[in-house]
């Protein structure tokens, strides 16, 4: 996980150094992006997206699962 900032021009300084990560519990990963309609059904509130539309994907999701304000 991570990138070597000196070798990756698009990397942010806080993305390094690269290091191994061990997953200790399961997780789910979808085959496609989560749509804004799916987000609203699951979270009970609309997603504050830059590009509005029920079939458009959510973007800019934080680790806490909230849309940015």
PDB file of N, CA and C in Angstrom:
ATOM      1  N   UNK A   1       0.858  -1.157   0.000  1.00  0.00           N
ATOM      2  CA  UNK A   1       0.000   0.000   0.000  1.00  0.00           C
ATOM      3  C   UNK A   1       0.905   1.221   0.000  1.00  0.00           C
ATOM      4  N   UNK A   2       0.471   2.270  -0.661  1.00  0.00           N
ATOM      5  CA  UNK A   2       1.232   3.494  -0.696  1.00  0.00           C
ATOM      6  C   UNK A   2       2.065   3.610  -1.961  1.00  0.00           C
ATOM      7  N   UNK A   3       2.642   4.765  -2.144  1.00  0.00           N
ATOM      8  CA  UNK A   3       3.501   5.019  -3.304  1.00  0.00           C
ATOM      9  C   UNK A   3       4.771   5.701  -2.839  1.00  0.00           C
ATOM     10  N   UNK A   4       5.775   5.573  -3.644  1.00  0.00           N
ATOM     11  CA  UNK A   4       7.025   6.295  -3.373  1.00  0.00           C
ATOM     12  C   UNK A   4       6.911   7.650  -4.051  1.00  0.00           C
ATOM     13  N   UNK A   5       6.690   8.720  -3.273  1.00  0.00           N
ATOM     14  CA  UNK A   5       6.487  10.040  -3.877  1.00  0.00           C
ATOM     15  C   UNK A   5       7.599  10.472  -4.837  1.00  0.00           C
ATOM     16  N   UNK A   6       8.838  10.095  -4.564  1.00  0.00           N
ATOM     17  CA  UNK A   6       9.925  10.518  -5.448  1.00  0.00           C
ATOM     18  C   UNK A   6       9.877   9.810  -6.800  1.00  0.00           C
ATOM     19  N   UNK A   7       9.184   8.666  -6.881  1.00  0.00           N
ATOM     20  CA  UNK A   7       9.096   7.910  -8.136  1.00  0.00           C
ATOM     21  C   UNK A   7       7.757   8.086  -8.843  1.00  0.00           C
ATOM     22  N   UNK A   8       6.765   8.624  -8.158  1.00  0.00           N
ATOM     23  CA  UNK A   8       5.421   8.779  -8.715  1.00  0.00           C
ATOM     24  C   UNK A   8       5.045  10.253  -8.702  1.00  0.00           C
ATOM     25  N   UNK A   9       5.111  10.924  -9.836  1.00  0.00           N
ATOM     26  CA  UNK A   9       4.833  12.372  -9.850  1.00  0.00           C
ATOM     27  C   UNK A   9       3.428  12.749  -9.387  1.00  0.00           C
ATOM     28  N   UNK A  10       2.453  11.835  -9.509  1.00  0.00           N
ATOM     29  CA  UNK A  10       1.082  12.142  -9.092  1.00  0.00           C
ATOM     30  C   UNK A  10       0.826  11.847  -7.621  1.00  0.00           C
ATOM     31  N   UNK A  11       1.785  11.239  -6.928  1.00  0.00           N
ATOM     32  CA  UNK A  11       1.589  10.863  -5.527  1.00  0.00           C
ATOM     33  C   UNK A  11       1.710  12.088  -4.620  1.00  0.00           C
ATOM     34  N   UNK A  12       0.874  12.110  -3.588  1.00  0.00           N
ATOM     35  CA  UNK A  12       0.987  13.136  -2.561  1.00  0.00           C
ATOM     36  C   UNK A  12       2.102  12.738  -1.597  1.00  0.00           C
ATOM     37  N   UNK A  13       2.748  13.702  -0.948  1.00  0.00           N
ATOM     38  CA  UNK A  13       3.852  13.373  -0.042  1.00  0.00           C
ATOM     39  C   UNK A  13       3.468  12.407   1.074  1.00  0.00           C
ATOM     40  N   UNK A  14       2.202  12.443   1.515  1.00  0.00           N
ATOM     41  CA  UNK A  14       1.804  11.553   2.612  1.00  0.00           C
ATOM     42  C   UNK A  14       1.404  10.152   2.150  1.00  0.00           C
ATOM     43  N   UNK A  15       1.603   9.817   0.882  1.00  0.00           N
ATOM     44  CA  UNK A  15       1.253   8.484   0.374  1.00  0.00           C
ATOM     45  C   UNK A  15       2.382   7.476   0.547  1.00  0.00           C
ATOM     46  N   UNK A  16       3.535   7.888   0.970  1.00  0.00           N
ATOM     47  CA  UNK A  16       4.655   6.978   1.113  1.00  0.00           C
ATOM     48  C   UNK A  16       5.017   6.799   2.570  1.00  0.00           C
ATOM     49  N   UNK A  17       5.870   5.867   2.829  1.00  0.00           N
ATOM     50  CA  UNK A  17       6.504   4.967   1.878  1.00  0.00           C
ATOM     51  C   UNK A  17       5.612   3.755   1.604  1.00  0.00           C
ATOM     52  N   UNK A  18       5.860   3.040   0.501  1.00  0.00           N
ATOM     53  CA  UNK A  18       5.099   1.817   0.240  1.00  0.00           C
ATOM     54  C   UNK A  18       5.347   0.808   1.369  1.00  0.00           C
ATOM     55  N   UNK A  19       4.307   0.088   1.730  1.00  0.00           N
ATOM     56  CA  UNK A  19       4.445  -0.897   2.799  1.00  0.00           C
ATOM     57  C   UNK A  19       3.413  -2.006   2.634  1.00  0.00           C
ATOM     58  N   UNK A  20       3.724  -3.166   3.194  1.00  0.00           N
ATOM     59  CA  UNK A  20       2.807  -4.311   3.140  1.00  0.00           C
ATOM     60  C   UNK A  20       1.660  -4.096   4.127  1.00  0.00           C
ATOM     61  N   UNK A  21       0.480  -4.584   3.756  1.00  0.00           N
ATOM     62  CA  UNK A  21      -0.705  -4.497   4.605  1.00  0.00           C
ATOM     63  C   UNK A  21      -1.329  -5.885   4.678  1.00  0.00           C
ATOM     64  N   UNK A  22      -1.724  -6.293   5.879  1.00  0.00           N
ATOM     65  CA  UNK A  22      -2.408  -7.566   6.075  1.00  0.00           C
ATOM     66  C   UNK A  22      -3.846  -7.274   6.482  1.00  0.00           C
ATOM     67  N   UNK A  23      -4.807  -7.784   5.711  1.00  0.00           N
ATOM     68  CA  UNK A  23      -6.220  -7.614   6.053  1.00  0.00           C
ATOM     69  C   UNK A  23      -6.574  -8.662   7.092  1.00  0.00           C
ATOM     70  N   UNK A  24      -7.138  -8.230   8.216  1.00  0.00           N
ATOM     71  CA  UNK A  24      -7.439  -9.141   9.315  1.00  0.00           C
ATOM     72  C   UNK A  24      -8.920  -9.480   9.432  1.00  0.00           C
ATOM     73  N   UNK A  25      -9.737  -8.888   8.607  1.00  0.00           N
ATOM     74  CA  UNK A  25     -11.163  -9.225   8.603  1.00  0.00           C
ATOM     75  C   UNK A  25     -11.706  -9.025   7.202  1.00  0.00           C
ATOM     76  N   UNK A  26     -12.832  -9.645   6.936  1.00  0.00           N
ATOM     77  CA  UNK A  26     -13.409  -9.608   5.602  1.00  0.00           C
ATOM     78  C   UNK A  26     -13.972  -8.244   5.239  1.00  0.00           C
ATOM     79  N   UNK A  27     -14.181  -8.058   3.952  1.00  0.00           N
ATOM     80  CA  UNK A  27     -14.802  -6.839   3.452  1.00  0.00           C
ATOM     81  C   UNK A  27     -15.537  -7.184   2.171  1.00  0.00           C
ATOM     82  N   UNK A  28     -16.414  -6.323   1.759  1.00  0.00           N
ATOM     83  CA  UNK A  28     -17.165  -6.529   0.519  1.00  0.00           C
ATOM     84  C   UNK A  28     -16.748  -5.479  -0.489  1.00  0.00           C
ATOM     85  N   UNK A  29     -16.709  -5.906  -1.732  1.00  0.00           N
ATOM     86  CA  UNK A  29     -16.338  -5.010  -2.811  1.00  0.00           C
ATOM     87  C   UNK A  29     -17.323  -5.222  -3.955  1.00  0.00           C
ATOM     88  N   UNK A  30     -17.927  -4.153  -4.423  1.00  0.00           N
ATOM     89  CA  UNK A  30     -18.884  -4.264  -5.501  1.00  0.00           C
ATOM     90  C   UNK A  30     -18.210  -4.379  -6.859  1.00  0.00           C
ATOM     91  N   UNK A  31     -18.964  -4.860  -7.823  1.00  0.00           N
ATOM     92  CA  UNK A  31     -18.448  -5.007  -9.187  1.00  0.00           C
ATOM     93  C   UNK A  31     -18.545  -3.697  -9.971  1.00  0.00           C
ATOM     94  N   UNK A  32     -19.298  -2.743  -9.443  1.00  0.00           N
ATOM     95  CA  UNK A  32     -19.477  -1.452 -10.119  1.00  0.00           C
ATOM     96  C   UNK A  32     -19.568  -0.356  -9.062  1.00  0.00           C
ATOM     97  N   UNK A  33     -19.500   0.879  -9.513  1.00  0.00           N
ATOM     98  CA  UNK A  33     -19.610   2.006  -8.600  1.00  0.00           C
ATOM     99  C   UNK A  33     -20.983   2.012  -7.923  1.00  0.00           C
ATOM    100  N   UNK A  34     -21.053   2.608  -6.736  1.00  0.00           N
ATOM    101  CA  UNK A  34     -22.323   2.796  -6.036  1.00  0.00           C
ATOM    102  C   UNK A  34     -22.997   4.017  -6.638  1.00  0.00           C
ATOM    103  N   UNK A  35     -24.233   3.846  -7.070  1.00  0.00           N
ATOM    104  CA  UNK A  35     -24.961   4.977  -7.646  1.00  0.00           C
ATOM    105  C   UNK A  35     -25.515   5.863  -6.532  1.00  0.00           C
ATOM    106  N   UNK A  36     -25.879   7.079  -6.898  1.00  0.00           N
ATOM    107  CA  UNK A  36     -26.465   7.993  -5.929  1.00  0.00           C
ATOM    108  C   UNK A  36     -27.797   7.463  -5.407  1.00  0.00           C
ATOM    109  N   UNK A  37     -28.567   6.779  -6.244  1.00  0.00           N
ATOM    110  CA  UNK A  37     -29.836   6.188  -5.802  1.00  0.00           C
ATOM    111  C   UNK A  37     -29.584   5.070  -4.792  1.00  0.00           C
ATOM    112  N   UNK A  38     -28.575   4.221  -5.041  1.00  0.00           N
ATOM    113  CA  UNK A  38     -28.239   3.158  -4.088  1.00  0.00           C
ATOM    114  C   UNK A  38     -27.789   3.747  -2.760  1.00  0.00           C
ATOM    115  N   UNK A  39     -26.957   4.779  -2.819  1.00  0.00           N
ATOM    116  CA  UNK A  39     -26.479   5.437  -1.609  1.00  0.00           C
ATOM    117  C   UNK A  39     -27.658   5.958  -0.786  1.00  0.00           C
ATOM    118  N   UNK A  40     -28.581   6.637  -1.453  1.00  0.00           N
ATOM    119  CA  UNK A  40     -29.720   7.217  -0.738  1.00  0.00           C
ATOM    120  C   UNK A  40     -30.592   6.145  -0.106  1.00  0.00           C
ATOM    121  N   UNK A  41     -30.833   5.033  -0.825  1.00  0.00           N
ATOM    122  CA  UNK A  41     -31.624   3.936  -0.263  1.00  0.00           C
ATOM    123  C   UNK A  41     -30.941   3.345   0.967  1.00  0.00           C
ATOM    124  N   UNK A  42     -29.636   3.151   0.909  1.00  0.00           N
ATOM    125  CA  UNK A  42     -28.910   2.504   1.997  1.00  0.00           C
ATOM    126  C   UNK A  42     -28.655   3.448   3.167  1.00  0.00           C
ATOM    127  N   UNK A  43     -28.240   4.672   2.871  1.00  0.00           N
ATOM    128  CA  UNK A  43     -27.863   5.620   3.927  1.00  0.00           C
ATOM    129  C   UNK A  43     -29.045   6.442   4.451  1.00  0.00           C
ATOM    130  N   UNK A  44     -30.151   6.489   3.689  1.00  0.00           N
ATOM    131  CA  UNK A  44     -31.318   7.236   4.130  1.00  0.00           C
ATOM    132  C   UNK A  44     -31.220   8.733   3.901  1.00  0.00           C
ATOM    133  N   UNK A  45     -30.218   9.155   3.147  1.00  0.00           N
ATOM    134  CA  UNK A  45     -30.036  10.581   2.855  1.00  0.00           C
ATOM    135  C   UNK A  45     -29.347  10.704   1.503  1.00  0.00           C
ATOM    136  N   UNK A  46     -29.639  11.771   0.775  1.00  0.00           N
ATOM    137  CA  UNK A  46     -28.985  11.938  -0.525  1.00  0.00           C
ATOM    138  C   UNK A  46     -27.492  12.222  -0.372  1.00  0.00           C
ATOM    139  N   UNK A  47     -26.744  11.895  -1.399  1.00  0.00           N
ATOM    140  CA  UNK A  47     -25.315  12.168  -1.429  1.00  0.00           C
ATOM    141  C   UNK A  47     -25.094  13.534  -2.058  1.00  0.00           C
ATOM    142  N   UNK A  48     -24.249  14.351  -1.460  1.00  0.00           N
ATOM    143  CA  UNK A  48     -23.970  15.692  -1.983  1.00  0.00           C
ATOM    144  C   UNK A  48     -22.913  15.584  -3.077  1.00  0.00           C
ATOM    145  N   UNK A  49     -23.351  15.223  -4.257  1.00  0.00           N
ATOM    146  CA  UNK A  49     -22.448  14.971  -5.364  1.00  0.00           C
ATOM    147  C   UNK A  49     -22.250  16.210  -6.219  1.00  0.00           C
ATOM    148  N   UNK A  50     -21.083  16.302  -6.821  1.00  0.00           N
ATOM    149  CA  UNK A  50     -20.835  17.380  -7.783  1.00  0.00           C
ATOM    150  C   UNK A  50     -21.650  17.180  -9.055  1.00  0.00           C
ATOM    151  N   UNK A  51     -21.859  15.926  -9.432  1.00  0.00           N
ATOM    152  CA  UNK A  51     -22.563  15.578 -10.665  1.00  0.00           C
ATOM    153  C   UNK A  51     -23.826  14.815 -10.282  1.00  0.00           C
ATOM    154  N   UNK A  52     -24.950  15.522 -10.221  1.00  0.00           N
ATOM    155  CA  UNK A  52     -26.202  14.963  -9.727  1.00  0.00           C
ATOM    156  C   UNK A  52     -26.880  14.049 -10.734  1.00  0.00           C
ATOM    157  N   UNK A  53     -27.487  12.978 -10.236  1.00  0.00           N
ATOM    158  CA  UNK A  53     -28.284  12.072 -11.045  1.00  0.00           C
ATOM    159  C   UNK A  53     -28.362  10.722 -10.368  1.00  0.00           C
ATOM    160  N   UNK A  54     -29.551  10.117 -10.310  1.00  0.00           N
ATOM    161  CA  UNK A  54     -29.717   8.857  -9.584  1.00  0.00           C
ATOM    162  C   UNK A  54     -28.840   7.715 -10.102  1.00  0.00           C
ATOM    163  N   UNK A  55     -28.529   7.720 -11.379  1.00  0.00           N
ATOM    164  CA  UNK A  55     -27.713   6.646 -11.953  1.00  0.00           C
ATOM    165  C   UNK A  55     -26.226   6.998 -12.021  1.00  0.00           C
ATOM    166  N   UNK A  56     -25.871   8.178 -11.547  1.00  0.00           N
ATOM    167  CA  UNK A  56     -24.462   8.582 -11.541  1.00  0.00           C
ATOM    168  C   UNK A  56     -23.798   8.061 -10.279  1.00  0.00           C
ATOM    169  N   UNK A  57     -22.502   7.786 -10.329  1.00  0.00           N
ATOM    170  CA  UNK A  57     -21.816   7.267  -9.142  1.00  0.00           C
ATOM    171  C   UNK A  57     -21.596   8.349  -8.090  1.00  0.00           C
ATOM    172  N   UNK A  58     -21.497   7.918  -6.838  1.00  0.00           N
ATOM    173  CA  UNK A  58     -21.076   8.842  -5.782  1.00  0.00           C
ATOM    174  C   UNK A  58     -19.573   9.038  -5.939  1.00  0.00           C
ATOM    175  N   UNK A  59     -19.082  10.184  -5.518  1.00  0.00           N
ATOM    176  CA  UNK A  59     -17.652  10.449  -5.595  1.00  0.00           C
ATOM    177  C   UNK A  59     -17.250  11.232  -4.346  1.00  0.00           C
ATOM    178  N   UNK A  60     -15.969  11.259  -4.075  1.00  0.00           N
ATOM    179  CA  UNK A  60     -15.421  11.983  -2.935  1.00  0.00           C
ATOM    180  C   UNK A  60     -15.923  11.443  -1.600  1.00  0.00           C
ATOM    181  N   UNK A  61     -16.094  10.137  -1.465  1.00  0.00           N
ATOM    182  CA  UNK A  61     -16.550   9.547  -0.214  1.00  0.00           C
ATOM    183  C   UNK A  61     -15.381   9.494   0.763  1.00  0.00           C
ATOM    184  N   UNK A  62     -15.607   9.936   1.981  1.00  0.00           N
ATOM    185  CA  UNK A  62     -14.545   9.908   2.988  1.00  0.00           C
ATOM    186  C   UNK A  62     -14.521   8.548   3.676  1.00  0.00           C
ATOM    187  N   UNK A  63     -13.488   8.321   4.451  1.00  0.00           N
ATOM    188  CA  UNK A  63     -13.388   7.065   5.199  1.00  0.00           C
ATOM    189  C   UNK A  63     -14.540   6.895   6.149  1.00  0.00           C
ATOM    190  N   UNK A  64     -15.119   7.981   6.622  1.00  0.00           N
ATOM    191  CA  UNK A  64     -16.248   7.903   7.525  1.00  0.00           C
ATOM    192  C   UNK A  64     -17.568   7.641   6.820  1.00  0.00           C
ATOM    193  N   UNK A  65     -17.538   7.592   5.481  1.00  0.00           N
ATOM    194  CA  UNK A  65     -18.743   7.293   4.723  1.00  0.00           C
ATOM    195  C   UNK A  65     -19.659   8.480   4.489  1.00  0.00           C
ATOM    196  N   UNK A  66     -19.181   9.661   4.785  1.00  0.00           N
ATOM    197  CA  UNK A  66     -20.013  10.853   4.595  1.00  0.00           C
ATOM    198  C   UNK A  66     -19.564  11.625   3.375  1.00  0.00           C
ATOM    199  N   UNK A  67     -20.519  12.253   2.752  1.00  0.00           N
ATOM    200  CA  UNK A  67     -20.165  13.109   1.618  1.00  0.00           C
ATOM    201  C   UNK A  67     -19.580  14.410   2.138  1.00  0.00           C
ATOM    202  N   UNK A  68     -18.700  15.020   1.379  1.00  0.00           N
ATOM    203  CA  UNK A  68     -18.117  16.287   1.823  1.00  0.00           C
ATOM    204  C   UNK A  68     -19.144  17.403   1.828  1.00  0.00           C
ATOM    205  N   UNK A  69     -18.925  18.386   2.660  1.00  0.00           N
ATOM    206  CA  UNK A  69     -19.881  19.513   2.698  1.00  0.00           C
ATOM    207  C   UNK A  69     -19.407  20.643   1.838  1.00  0.00           C
TER     208      UNK A  69
END
